[in-house]
Amino acid sequence: LNTVTKAQPSNQDIETALFTWKVLRHAKSNGILIAKDNTTIGLGAGQVSRVDAVHMALRKGGENVKGSVLASDAFFPFRDSIDAIKNSGIKVVMQPGGSIRDQEIIDACDEYGIAMIFTGTRCFKH
């Protein structure tokens, strides 16, 4: 795991991020999972676009997403997913990294004070 943002995840956040990764690998891609305290709060899976999966997971999680961790089964191709969560209270995002736009995604997280962890591997399932 590699934290790539100015904001740093807590030990509890890292533990929850690892939980999200274990659960998310069983969801159909494009998959987004939001969790807090090792409990799934919202899931968006099987969507045509990553940002649609983010919106679905946010809707499912509602107000409970404040203080949570969001994981994506593959890299974010654009910053729109980060822009979508900016006011949600999500504090950590975990994703594989590997997009040609990684720096743009990292910059968006830095702009919003969100920590981002790169795993270096995808867990997506078709």
N, C-alpha and C. Protein backbone atom coordinates (compact mmCIF):
# COMPACT_ATOMS: atom_id res chain seq x y z
N LEU A 1 0.84 -1.18 0.00
CA LEU A 1 0.00 0.00 0.00
C LEU A 1 0.88 1.24 0.00
N ASN A 2 0.44 2.24 -0.74
CA ASN A 2 1.21 3.46 -0.86
C ASN A 2 0.28 4.66 -0.76
N THR A 3 0.43 5.47 0.29
CA THR A 3 -0.36 6.69 0.41
C THR A 3 0.28 7.74 -0.49
N VAL A 4 -0.53 8.32 -1.39
CA VAL A 4 0.01 9.20 -2.43
C VAL A 4 -0.44 10.65 -2.27
N THR A 5 -1.15 10.95 -1.19
CA THR A 5 -1.68 12.29 -0.95
C THR A 5 -1.04 12.92 0.27
N LYS A 6 -1.29 14.22 0.43
CA LYS A 6 -0.81 14.93 1.62
C LYS A 6 -1.53 14.41 2.86
N ALA A 7 -2.84 14.22 2.76
CA ALA A 7 -3.61 13.66 3.89
C ALA A 7 -3.21 12.20 4.07
N GLN A 8 -3.07 11.79 5.30
CA GLN A 8 -2.64 10.42 5.62
C GLN A 8 -3.79 9.66 6.30
N PRO A 9 -3.99 8.40 5.95
CA PRO A 9 -5.03 7.60 6.62
C PRO A 9 -4.54 7.18 8.01
N SER A 10 -5.49 7.03 8.93
CA SER A 10 -5.15 6.50 10.26
C SER A 10 -4.98 4.99 10.16
N ASN A 11 -4.48 4.39 11.22
CA ASN A 11 -4.37 2.92 11.25
C ASN A 11 -5.73 2.26 11.09
N GLN A 12 -6.77 2.83 11.73
CA GLN A 12 -8.13 2.30 11.60
C GLN A 12 -8.61 2.42 10.15
N ASP A 13 -8.30 3.54 9.50
CA ASP A 13 -8.67 3.72 8.09
C ASP A 13 -8.00 2.66 7.21
N ILE A 14 -6.74 2.38 7.47
CA ILE A 14 -6.03 1.36 6.69
C ILE A 14 -6.65 -0.01 6.91
N GLU A 15 -7.00 -0.31 8.15
CA GLU A 15 -7.67 -1.59 8.44
C GLU A 15 -8.99 -1.69 7.68
N THR A 16 -9.77 -0.61 7.69
CA THR A 16 -11.04 -0.61 6.97
C THR A 16 -10.80 -0.69 5.46
N ALA A 17 -9.77 -0.01 4.96
CA ALA A 17 -9.45 -0.07 3.53
C ALA A 17 -9.13 -1.50 3.11
N LEU A 18 -8.39 -2.21 3.92
CA LEU A 18 -8.07 -3.61 3.60
C LEU A 18 -9.34 -4.47 3.61
N PHE A 19 -10.26 -4.18 4.53
CA PHE A 19 -11.56 -4.85 4.56
C PHE A 19 -12.31 -4.59 3.25
N THR A 20 -12.35 -3.32 2.81
CA THR A 20 -13.08 -2.99 1.58
C THR A 20 -12.52 -3.76 0.40
N TRP A 21 -11.21 -3.92 0.37
CA TRP A 21 -10.56 -4.62 -0.75
C TRP A 21 -10.97 -6.09 -0.78
N LYS A 22 -11.05 -6.71 0.40
CA LYS A 22 -11.45 -8.13 0.46
C LYS A 22 -12.89 -8.32 -0.01
N VAL A 23 -13.77 -7.41 0.37
CA VAL A 23 -15.18 -7.52 -0.01
C VAL A 23 -15.37 -7.15 -1.48
N LEU A 24 -14.72 -6.07 -1.91
CA LEU A 24 -14.92 -5.54 -3.25
C LEU A 24 -14.52 -6.52 -4.35
N ARG A 25 -13.56 -7.37 -4.08
CA ARG A 25 -13.12 -8.30 -5.13
C ARG A 25 -14.23 -9.29 -5.53
N HIS A 26 -15.31 -9.36 -4.75
CA HIS A 26 -16.43 -10.25 -5.06
C HIS A 26 -17.56 -9.53 -5.80
N ALA A 27 -17.42 -8.21 -5.99
CA ALA A 27 -18.45 -7.43 -6.68
C ALA A 27 -18.11 -7.34 -8.17
N LYS A 28 -19.14 -7.20 -8.98
CA LYS A 28 -18.92 -7.07 -10.42
C LYS A 28 -18.44 -5.66 -10.74
N SER A 29 -17.48 -5.57 -11.64
CA SER A 29 -16.93 -4.27 -12.04
C SER A 29 -17.93 -3.55 -12.96
N ASN A 30 -17.93 -2.29 -12.97
CA ASN A 30 -17.17 -1.31 -12.20
C ASN A 30 -17.69 -1.32 -10.77
N GLY A 31 -16.82 -1.54 -9.82
CA GLY A 31 -17.24 -1.67 -8.44
C GLY A 31 -16.65 -0.62 -7.52
N ILE A 32 -17.53 -0.07 -6.68
CA ILE A 32 -17.15 0.90 -5.65
C ILE A 32 -17.78 0.42 -4.35
N LEU A 33 -16.98 0.36 -3.30
CA LEU A 33 -17.48 -0.05 -2.00
C LEU A 33 -17.11 1.00 -0.97
N ILE A 34 -18.08 1.38 -0.14
CA ILE A 34 -17.86 2.34 0.94
C ILE A 34 -18.06 1.60 2.25
N ALA A 35 -17.10 1.74 3.16
CA ALA A 35 -17.17 1.03 4.44
C ALA A 35 -16.67 1.92 5.57
N LYS A 36 -17.14 1.58 6.77
CA LYS A 36 -16.69 2.26 7.99
C LYS A 36 -16.64 1.21 9.09
N ASP A 37 -15.56 1.23 9.86
CA ASP A 37 -15.40 0.28 10.98
C ASP A 37 -15.64 -1.16 10.53
N ASN A 38 -15.06 -1.53 9.39
CA ASN A 38 -15.16 -2.88 8.85
C ASN A 38 -16.60 -3.33 8.59
N THR A 39 -17.44 -2.36 8.22
CA THR A 39 -18.83 -2.64 7.87
C THR A 39 -19.14 -1.96 6.54
N THR A 40 -19.74 -2.70 5.62
CA THR A 40 -20.12 -2.11 4.33
C THR A 40 -21.26 -1.13 4.53
N ILE A 41 -21.09 0.07 3.98
CA ILE A 41 -22.09 1.14 4.08
C ILE A 41 -22.82 1.30 2.75
N GLY A 42 -22.08 1.23 1.64
CA GLY A 42 -22.67 1.40 0.32
C GLY A 42 -21.89 0.64 -0.72
N LEU A 43 -22.59 0.15 -1.73
CA LEU A 43 -21.95 -0.60 -2.80
C LEU A 43 -22.57 -0.19 -4.12
N GLY A 44 -21.72 0.13 -5.08
CA GLY A 44 -22.14 0.38 -6.44
C GLY A 44 -21.38 -0.58 -7.33
N ALA A 45 -22.06 -1.47 -8.00
CA ALA A 45 -21.36 -2.50 -8.78
C ALA A 45 -22.08 -2.76 -10.10
N GLY A 46 -21.31 -3.26 -11.08
CA GLY A 46 -21.87 -3.64 -12.36
C GLY A 46 -22.31 -2.46 -13.21
N GLN A 47 -21.74 -1.29 -12.96
CA GLN A 47 -22.12 -0.10 -13.70
C GLN A 47 -21.26 0.08 -14.95
N VAL A 48 -21.78 0.82 -15.90
CA VAL A 48 -21.06 1.07 -17.15
C VAL A 48 -19.86 1.99 -16.92
N SER A 49 -20.01 2.93 -15.99
CA SER A 49 -18.90 3.85 -15.71
C SER A 49 -18.60 3.85 -14.21
N ARG A 50 -17.37 4.19 -13.90
CA ARG A 50 -16.92 4.23 -12.50
C ARG A 50 -17.68 5.30 -11.72
N VAL A 51 -17.89 6.47 -12.32
CA VAL A 51 -18.59 7.54 -11.60
C VAL A 51 -20.04 7.15 -11.32
N ASP A 52 -20.68 6.37 -12.21
CA ASP A 52 -22.03 5.88 -11.93
C ASP A 52 -22.02 4.94 -10.72
N ALA A 53 -20.99 4.11 -10.62
CA ALA A 53 -20.86 3.22 -9.46
C ALA A 53 -20.65 4.02 -8.18
N VAL A 54 -19.90 5.13 -8.27
CA VAL A 54 -19.71 6.00 -7.11
C VAL A 54 -21.04 6.58 -6.67
N HIS A 55 -21.81 7.11 -7.62
CA HIS A 55 -23.12 7.70 -7.28
C HIS A 55 -24.04 6.65 -6.64
N MET A 56 -24.04 5.44 -7.17
CA MET A 56 -24.87 4.38 -6.60
C MET A 56 -24.45 4.07 -5.16
N ALA A 57 -23.16 3.93 -4.92
CA ALA A 57 -22.67 3.63 -3.57
C ALA A 57 -23.01 4.76 -2.61
N LEU A 58 -22.88 6.01 -3.06
CA LEU A 58 -23.23 7.15 -2.21
C LEU A 58 -24.72 7.14 -1.86
N ARG A 59 -25.57 6.85 -2.86
CA ARG A 59 -27.02 6.79 -2.59
C ARG A 59 -27.34 5.70 -1.57
N LYS A 60 -26.72 4.54 -1.73
CA LYS A 60 -26.97 3.43 -0.80
C LYS A 60 -26.49 3.77 0.61
N GLY A 61 -25.36 4.46 0.70
CA GLY A 61 -24.78 4.77 2.00
C GLY A 61 -25.43 5.94 2.72
N GLY A 62 -25.97 6.87 1.96
CA GLY A 62 -26.61 8.04 2.54
C GLY A 62 -25.70 8.79 3.50
N GLU A 63 -26.27 9.26 4.59
CA GLU A 63 -25.52 10.03 5.60
C GLU A 63 -24.47 9.19 6.32
N ASN A 64 -24.61 7.88 6.26
CA ASN A 64 -23.67 6.98 6.96
C ASN A 64 -22.26 7.00 6.37
N VAL A 65 -22.07 7.60 5.19
CA VAL A 65 -20.74 7.58 4.57
C VAL A 65 -19.76 8.55 5.22
N LYS A 66 -20.23 9.44 6.06
CA LYS A 66 -19.32 10.38 6.72
C LYS A 66 -18.26 9.63 7.52
N GLY A 67 -17.00 9.96 7.30
CA GLY A 67 -15.90 9.33 8.02
C GLY A 67 -15.52 7.96 7.50
N SER A 68 -15.95 7.62 6.29
CA SER A 68 -15.75 6.26 5.77
C SER A 68 -14.59 6.19 4.78
N VAL A 69 -14.37 4.97 4.29
CA VAL A 69 -13.35 4.66 3.28
C VAL A 69 -14.07 4.19 2.03
N LEU A 70 -13.65 4.70 0.88
CA LEU A 70 -14.20 4.27 -0.41
C LEU A 70 -13.11 3.53 -1.16
N ALA A 71 -13.46 2.38 -1.72
CA ALA A 71 -12.50 1.62 -2.53
C ALA A 71 -13.07 1.41 -3.93
N SER A 72 -12.18 1.47 -4.91
CA SER A 72 -12.53 1.23 -6.30
C SER A 72 -11.75 0.02 -6.80
N ASP A 73 -12.42 -0.88 -7.52
CA ASP A 73 -11.76 -2.11 -7.97
C ASP A 73 -10.75 -1.89 -9.09
N ALA A 74 -10.77 -0.72 -9.71
CA ALA A 74 -9.79 -0.38 -10.75
C ALA A 74 -9.51 1.12 -10.65
N PHE A 75 -8.54 1.59 -11.42
CA PHE A 75 -8.16 3.00 -11.31
C PHE A 75 -9.29 3.93 -11.73
N PHE A 76 -9.20 5.17 -11.25
CA PHE A 76 -10.13 6.21 -11.67
C PHE A 76 -9.59 6.83 -12.96
N PRO A 77 -10.35 6.76 -14.07
CA PRO A 77 -9.86 7.32 -15.32
C PRO A 77 -9.93 8.85 -15.36
N PHE A 78 -10.82 9.42 -14.54
CA PHE A 78 -11.02 10.87 -14.49
C PHE A 78 -11.25 11.28 -13.04
N ARG A 79 -11.15 12.57 -12.77
CA ARG A 79 -11.34 13.07 -11.41
C ARG A 79 -12.82 13.21 -11.03
N ASP A 80 -13.74 12.94 -11.96
CA ASP A 80 -15.16 13.13 -11.68
C ASP A 80 -15.65 12.33 -10.48
N SER A 81 -15.09 11.16 -10.25
CA SER A 81 -15.49 10.36 -9.09
C SER A 81 -15.07 11.03 -7.79
N ILE A 82 -13.90 11.63 -7.77
CA ILE A 82 -13.43 12.35 -6.58
C ILE A 82 -14.27 13.60 -6.38
N ASP A 83 -14.58 14.31 -7.45
CA ASP A 83 -15.45 15.48 -7.36
C ASP A 83 -16.82 15.09 -6.80
N ALA A 84 -17.30 13.91 -7.14
CA ALA A 84 -18.61 13.44 -6.68
C ALA A 84 -18.64 13.18 -5.18
N ILE A 85 -17.51 12.83 -4.58
CA ILE A 85 -17.50 12.51 -3.14
C ILE A 85 -17.03 13.67 -2.27
N LYS A 86 -16.65 14.79 -2.87
CA LYS A 86 -16.00 15.87 -2.13
C LYS A 86 -16.78 16.36 -0.91
N ASN A 87 -18.08 16.37 -0.96
CA ASN A 87 -18.89 16.87 0.17
C ASN A 87 -19.53 15.76 0.98
N SER A 88 -19.14 14.53 0.73
CA SER A 88 -19.79 13.38 1.38
C SER A 88 -19.25 13.07 2.77
N GLY A 89 -18.04 13.53 3.06
CA GLY A 89 -17.41 13.18 4.33
C GLY A 89 -16.54 11.94 4.25
N ILE A 90 -16.43 11.33 3.08
CA ILE A 90 -15.50 10.21 2.89
C ILE A 90 -14.09 10.75 3.09
N LYS A 91 -13.30 10.05 3.91
CA LYS A 91 -11.98 10.59 4.23
C LYS A 91 -10.82 9.85 3.59
N VAL A 92 -11.05 8.64 3.08
CA VAL A 92 -9.98 7.87 2.44
C VAL A 92 -10.52 7.19 1.19
N VAL A 93 -9.72 7.21 0.14
CA VAL A 93 -10.04 6.49 -1.09
C VAL A 93 -8.90 5.50 -1.36
N MET A 94 -9.27 4.26 -1.68
CA MET A 94 -8.27 3.26 -2.02
C MET A 94 -8.55 2.77 -3.44
N GLN A 95 -7.51 2.70 -4.24
CA GLN A 95 -7.64 2.26 -5.63
C GLN A 95 -6.28 1.74 -6.09
N PRO A 96 -6.28 1.01 -7.22
CA PRO A 96 -5.01 0.45 -7.69
C PRO A 96 -4.00 1.48 -8.19
N GLY A 97 -4.50 2.60 -8.75
CA GLY A 97 -3.60 3.50 -9.45
C GLY A 97 -3.30 2.92 -10.82
N GLY A 98 -2.53 3.63 -11.62
CA GLY A 98 -2.16 3.12 -12.93
C GLY A 98 -2.78 3.86 -14.09
N SER A 99 -3.56 4.90 -13.81
CA SER A 99 -4.15 5.71 -14.87
C SER A 99 -3.12 6.72 -15.37
N ILE A 100 -3.25 7.11 -16.64
CA ILE A 100 -2.38 8.19 -17.13
C ILE A 100 -2.74 9.51 -16.45
N ARG A 101 -3.90 9.55 -15.80
CA ARG A 101 -4.34 10.76 -15.09
C ARG A 101 -4.19 10.63 -13.57
N ASP A 102 -3.38 9.71 -13.10
CA ASP A 102 -3.22 9.53 -11.65
C ASP A 102 -2.93 10.85 -10.93
N GLN A 103 -2.03 11.66 -11.47
CA GLN A 103 -1.67 12.90 -10.77
C GLN A 103 -2.87 13.83 -10.65
N GLU A 104 -3.71 13.88 -11.67
CA GLU A 104 -4.93 14.70 -11.63
C GLU A 104 -5.86 14.20 -10.51
N ILE A 105 -5.96 12.89 -10.34
CA ILE A 105 -6.81 12.30 -9.30
C ILE A 105 -6.22 12.60 -7.92
N ILE A 106 -4.91 12.47 -7.79
CA ILE A 106 -4.23 12.78 -6.52
C ILE A 106 -4.43 14.25 -6.18
N ASP A 107 -4.28 15.12 -7.16
CA ASP A 107 -4.46 16.56 -6.93
C ASP A 107 -5.88 16.87 -6.46
N ALA A 108 -6.88 16.19 -7.02
CA ALA A 108 -8.27 16.39 -6.58
C ALA A 108 -8.42 15.98 -5.12
N CYS A 109 -7.84 14.86 -4.75
CA CYS A 109 -7.89 14.42 -3.34
C CYS A 109 -7.21 15.44 -2.44
N ASP A 110 -6.05 15.93 -2.85
CA ASP A 110 -5.35 16.95 -2.06
C ASP A 110 -6.20 18.21 -1.93
N GLU A 111 -6.86 18.59 -2.99
CA GLU A 111 -7.73 19.77 -2.98
C GLU A 111 -8.84 19.63 -1.94
N TYR A 112 -9.38 18.42 -1.79
CA TYR A 112 -10.50 18.18 -0.88
C TYR A 112 -10.08 17.62 0.47
N GLY A 113 -8.79 17.41 0.69
CA GLY A 113 -8.32 16.89 1.98
C GLY A 113 -8.63 15.42 2.20
N ILE A 114 -8.72 14.67 1.11
CA ILE A 114 -9.02 13.24 1.17
C ILE A 114 -7.71 12.46 1.01
N ALA A 115 -7.49 11.47 1.85
CA ALA A 115 -6.32 10.61 1.72
C ALA A 115 -6.56 9.60 0.61
N MET A 116 -5.52 9.28 -0.15
CA MET A 116 -5.64 8.26 -1.19
C MET A 116 -4.52 7.24 -1.05
N ILE A 117 -4.93 5.98 -1.11
CA ILE A 117 -4.00 4.86 -1.03
C ILE A 117 -4.02 4.13 -2.38
N PHE A 118 -2.84 3.87 -2.92
CA PHE A 118 -2.72 3.03 -4.11
C PHE A 118 -2.34 1.62 -3.67
N THR A 119 -3.01 0.64 -4.26
CA THR A 119 -2.70 -0.76 -3.94
C THR A 119 -1.67 -1.35 -4.92
N GLY A 120 -1.64 -0.81 -6.13
CA GLY A 120 -0.74 -1.35 -7.15
C GLY A 120 -1.31 -2.54 -7.91
N THR A 121 -2.46 -3.06 -7.46
CA THR A 121 -3.11 -4.18 -8.16
C THR A 121 -4.61 -3.95 -8.20
N ARG A 122 -5.24 -4.39 -9.29
CA ARG A 122 -6.69 -4.29 -9.40
C ARG A 122 -7.33 -5.52 -8.79
N CYS A 123 -8.59 -5.38 -8.46
CA CYS A 123 -9.32 -6.57 -7.98
C CYS A 123 -10.60 -6.73 -8.77
N PHE A 124 -10.61 -6.27 -10.03
CA PHE A 124 -11.90 -6.27 -10.68
C PHE A 124 -12.31 -7.56 -11.33
N LYS A 125 -13.64 -7.72 -11.35
CA LYS A 125 -14.26 -8.97 -11.78
C LYS A 125 -15.32 -8.65 -12.83
N HIS A 126 -15.25 -9.37 -13.95
CA HIS A 126 -16.27 -9.19 -14.99
C HIS A 126 -17.17 -10.40 -15.01
